[in-house]
Protein backbone atom coordinates (compact mmCIF):
# COMPACT_ATOMS: atom_id res chain seq x y z
CA UNK A 1 14.74 36.40 29.91
CA UNK A 2 11.19 34.69 30.74
CA UNK A 3 10.33 35.93 26.88
CA UNK A 4 13.12 34.15 25.96
CA UNK A 5 12.74 31.54 27.57
CA UNK A 6 9.09 30.94 25.69
CA UNK A 7 10.59 31.65 22.35
CA UNK A 8 12.87 29.21 23.10
CA UNK A 9 10.11 26.45 24.31
CA UNK A 10 7.72 26.96 21.45
CA UNK A 11 10.72 26.71 18.56
CA UNK A 12 12.32 23.45 20.31
CA UNK A 13 8.00 22.04 20.43
CA UNK A 14 7.40 23.77 16.99
CA UNK A 15 10.85 21.62 15.41
CA UNK A 16 10.00 18.65 17.42
CA UNK A 17 6.27 18.45 16.00
CA UNK A 18 7.36 19.25 12.54
CA UNK A 19 10.09 16.36 12.87
CA UNK A 20 7.27 14.05 13.53
CA UNK A 21 5.44 14.65 10.97
CA UNK A 22 8.18 13.87 8.75
CA UNK A 23 8.63 10.47 10.18
CA UNK A 24 5.19 9.40 10.14
CA UNK A 25 5.13 9.35 6.32
CA UNK A 26 7.21 6.10 6.30
CA UNK A 27 4.32 4.34 8.66
CA UNK A 28 1.04 4.19 7.07
CA UNK A 29 1.59 0.34 7.10
CA UNK A 30 1.31 0.26 10.68
CA UNK A 31 -1.90 -1.20 12.34
CA UNK A 32 -3.72 -4.26 11.73
CA UNK A 33 -3.90 -5.75 8.09
CA UNK A 34 -6.11 -8.69 7.30
CA UNK A 35 -5.12 -11.51 5.41
CA UNK A 36 -7.09 -13.04 2.65
CA UNK A 37 -10.35 -14.36 3.46
CA UNK A 38 -10.18 -12.68 7.11
CA UNK A 39 -7.89 -15.84 8.10
CA UNK A 40 -6.07 -13.77 10.08
CA UNK A 41 -5.36 -10.02 11.30
CA UNK A 42 -1.53 -9.27 10.98
CA UNK A 43 -0.26 -6.01 13.39
CA UNK A 44 2.33 -4.29 11.37
CA UNK A 45 4.77 -2.45 14.15
CA UNK A 46 7.69 -0.72 14.61
CA UNK A 47 11.11 -2.34 15.72
CA UNK A 48 13.72 -0.52 16.23
CA UNK A 49 14.23 1.41 13.15
CA UNK A 50 12.77 -1.62 11.08
CA UNK A 51 9.28 -3.02 10.63
CA UNK A 52 8.09 -6.44 12.08
CA UNK A 53 4.24 -8.14 12.04
CA UNK A 54 2.78 -10.68 14.18
CA UNK A 55 -0.13 -12.16 14.43
CA UNK A 56 -2.44 -10.39 16.28
CA UNK A 57 -5.38 -12.19 15.99
CA UNK A 58 -6.69 -16.28 14.15
CA UNK A 59 -10.16 -16.68 12.69
CA UNK A 60 -9.68 -20.16 13.62
CA UNK A 61 -7.78 -19.96 16.64
CA UNK A 62 -8.05 -23.65 17.57
CA UNK A 63 -7.64 -26.92 15.65
CA UNK A 64 -10.42 -28.25 14.14
CA UNK A 65 -12.47 -31.15 15.32
CA UNK A 66 -10.73 -33.53 12.25
CA UNK A 67 -7.38 -32.60 13.20
CA UNK A 68 -5.30 -35.84 11.31
CA UNK A 69 -2.76 -35.21 13.59
CA UNK A 70 -4.60 -35.29 17.18
CA UNK A 71 -5.01 -31.69 18.10
CA UNK A 72 -8.82 -31.09 17.58
CA UNK A 73 -9.88 -28.27 20.09
CA UNK A 74 -6.35 -27.23 21.14
CA UNK A 75 -5.05 -23.94 20.07
CA UNK A 76 -3.00 -23.67 16.86
CA UNK A 77 1.02 -23.92 17.50
CA UNK A 78 3.69 -23.42 15.46
CA UNK A 79 4.03 -27.00 14.09
CA UNK A 80 5.37 -27.07 10.79
CA UNK A 81 8.60 -25.06 11.81
CA UNK A 82 11.69 -27.11 11.01
CA UNK A 83 13.13 -26.39 14.12
CA UNK A 84 11.35 -28.92 16.89
CA UNK A 85 12.35 -26.78 19.79
CA UNK A 86 9.30 -24.13 18.52
CA UNK A 87 6.91 -26.55 17.26
CA UNK A 88 4.67 -25.27 20.32
CA UNK A 89 5.25 -21.93 20.29
CA UNK A 90 1.09 -20.79 20.08
CA UNK A 91 0.73 -18.91 16.47
CA UNK A 92 -1.61 -15.86 18.14
CA UNK A 93 1.53 -13.66 18.97
CA UNK A 94 3.79 -14.83 16.07
CA UNK A 95 5.74 -12.89 15.24
CA UNK A 96 5.96 -13.52 11.45
CA UNK A 97 7.88 -10.28 9.46
CA UNK A 98 11.20 -8.98 10.44
CA UNK A 99 13.53 -6.64 9.36
CA UNK A 100 11.79 -4.52 6.41
CA UNK A 101 13.01 -0.53 5.92
CA UNK A 102 11.04 1.81 4.24
CA UNK A 103 13.05 2.01 0.89
CA UNK A 104 11.39 4.70 -1.45
CA UNK A 105 7.40 5.72 -2.11
CA UNK A 106 5.22 3.10 -0.99
CA UNK A 107 7.55 0.26 -0.78
CA UNK A 108 8.91 -1.50 2.17
CA UNK A 109 11.60 -4.06 1.64
CA UNK A 110 14.50 -5.87 2.98
CA UNK A 111 12.44 -8.18 5.45
CA UNK A 112 12.04 -11.62 6.10
CA UNK A 113 8.48 -13.92 6.71
CA UNK A 114 7.54 -16.50 7.92
CA UNK A 115 4.66 -19.08 6.63
CA UNK A 116 3.93 -21.22 9.52
CA UNK A 117 1.90 -23.11 7.07
CA UNK A 118 4.95 -24.66 5.59
CA UNK A 119 7.11 -23.63 7.94
CA UNK A 120 9.59 -21.91 5.77
CA UNK A 121 10.90 -18.47 5.88
CA UNK A 122 11.26 -16.14 2.31
CA UNK A 123 12.11 -12.71 1.57
CA UNK A 124 9.41 -10.27 1.44
CA UNK A 125 8.69 -6.61 0.07
CA UNK A 126 5.70 -4.82 1.09
CA UNK A 127 3.78 -2.10 -1.70
CA UNK A 128 0.92 -0.30 0.05
CA UNK A 129 -1.08 0.08 -3.14
CA UNK A 130 -3.42 2.14 -1.61
CA UNK A 131 -4.33 3.33 2.78
CA UNK A 132 -6.33 -0.11 2.70
CA UNK A 133 -4.45 -2.54 0.41
CA UNK A 134 -1.02 -4.05 1.29
CA UNK A 135 0.81 -6.12 -1.10
CA UNK A 136 2.90 -8.25 0.59
CA UNK A 137 4.98 -10.43 -1.77
CA UNK A 138 7.03 -13.38 -0.36
CA UNK A 139 9.80 -14.75 -2.65
CA UNK A 140 13.05 -17.30 -3.01
CA UNK A 141 16.13 -15.39 -4.74
CA UNK A 142 14.64 -12.14 -6.45
CA UNK A 143 10.87 -10.73 -6.38
CA UNK A 144 10.10 -12.40 -10.03
CA UNK A 145 9.84 -15.67 -8.34
CA UNK A 146 7.15 -15.47 -5.63
CA UNK A 147 3.76 -15.06 -4.34
CA UNK A 148 1.43 -12.04 -4.08
CA UNK A 149 -1.07 -12.06 -1.14
CA UNK A 150 -3.59 -8.78 -0.51
CA UNK A 151 -4.12 -7.79 2.65
CA UNK A 152 -6.55 -5.14 3.29
CA UNK A 153 -7.56 -2.79 6.32
């Protein structure tokens, strides 16, 4: 009886490990990514059964001394948001990506990305072109009309 229990526990453990390994195939995009010119680091993480992203680090977290909107030295906020109630939320920690699904191979799509520089949301897809390079394409309508930003580890 004890031998059967031990075999069952080992079997369940092996199945659990195998299913975990299979689930990780879609997770190479998880972690921190540097945006162009290292202006910020975006953390891509799982949210429910999809992928999301938030600003984890800002190279310059405060507004410069010559800020034209009178916020010199203050922490950067989402001041370009079209919703005035959201304009005081800090950029650091702001979730700006949501809803991505691993579709096939090295592509995640079906998500949205928010650009705090202009306060607009775009449809988006991400392509992992190498373990340390993520091509993030924001677009309106279909992906031919858009812009690709290259993020690196």
